[in-house]
Every structure is written in structure tokens, then in C-alpha cells.
């Protein structure tokens, strides 16, 4: 009933899982989400600026604020997407534990790096 896997099968499966993990990390990169939203809203606001009436422009003291804001949002969104294209997310090297990746180690709940609880946690005085 138990299945036996060869080292080759295990290595292939590990490689496939790492590839899926890398794809998921790139898919949910915050730069993609922010850039996409800025581009989407930039298009909407730019269209609103292009179709603005003279009355709308007069309300903004002669400045087509929707057009300029929309173009700015488009530019910012495209910069985020360009940044994503030029500097893609690099997955952590294999064998790096998620807790140790930032160098802080596991959290013991005390709020201090060394786990001592900080000054005054032992019930005694912190002065002299």
C-alpha cells in the first residue's frame, strides 16, 4: 500500500513545487497590484478629463484637473510596472526557512529580540 519514490521523483517534485511557489510570488507582487490599479484608475480619470465639459473646467479655475491627474496616475502606474519588469522578485534560495529569512528568528512573544521581556518585566524597579 505504501508508495516508494525514487530520489529522481522527489527532486522533480521539489523542482515543480519551487517553480509554482515562484510563480505565485511574482503573481502577487505588490508592485503589480499597485501599478495595475494606478493604470486602471488613470485610464478612467483621463477619459473623464478628455470628456470634461467647459463648465467642469471652469469649476477648477480653467485647469483640466481630471486630465492631468489621470495622466499622472497613468505615468505612476507604468513606472511601477516598469520597475517590476526591470527588477523581478527573486525567490529565496532553497533551504532557507521562512522564519530565518529576515534574520530575526522565531518570535517568543515578549516583544524583545533576546526574549528577556525588556526592563521592568520582572516586577522590580528599573532605576538604580
Foldseek 3Di string as FASTA:
>chain_A
DDDDDDPVRVVVVVVVVVVVVLVVCQVVPVLLVQLVVLLVVLVVLLVCLVPPDPVVCVVVVNDSVSNVSSVVSNVVSVVSVVCCVVDPDDDDDPPDDPQPPVPQHDDPPLPDSVPPNDPCPVVDDRDD
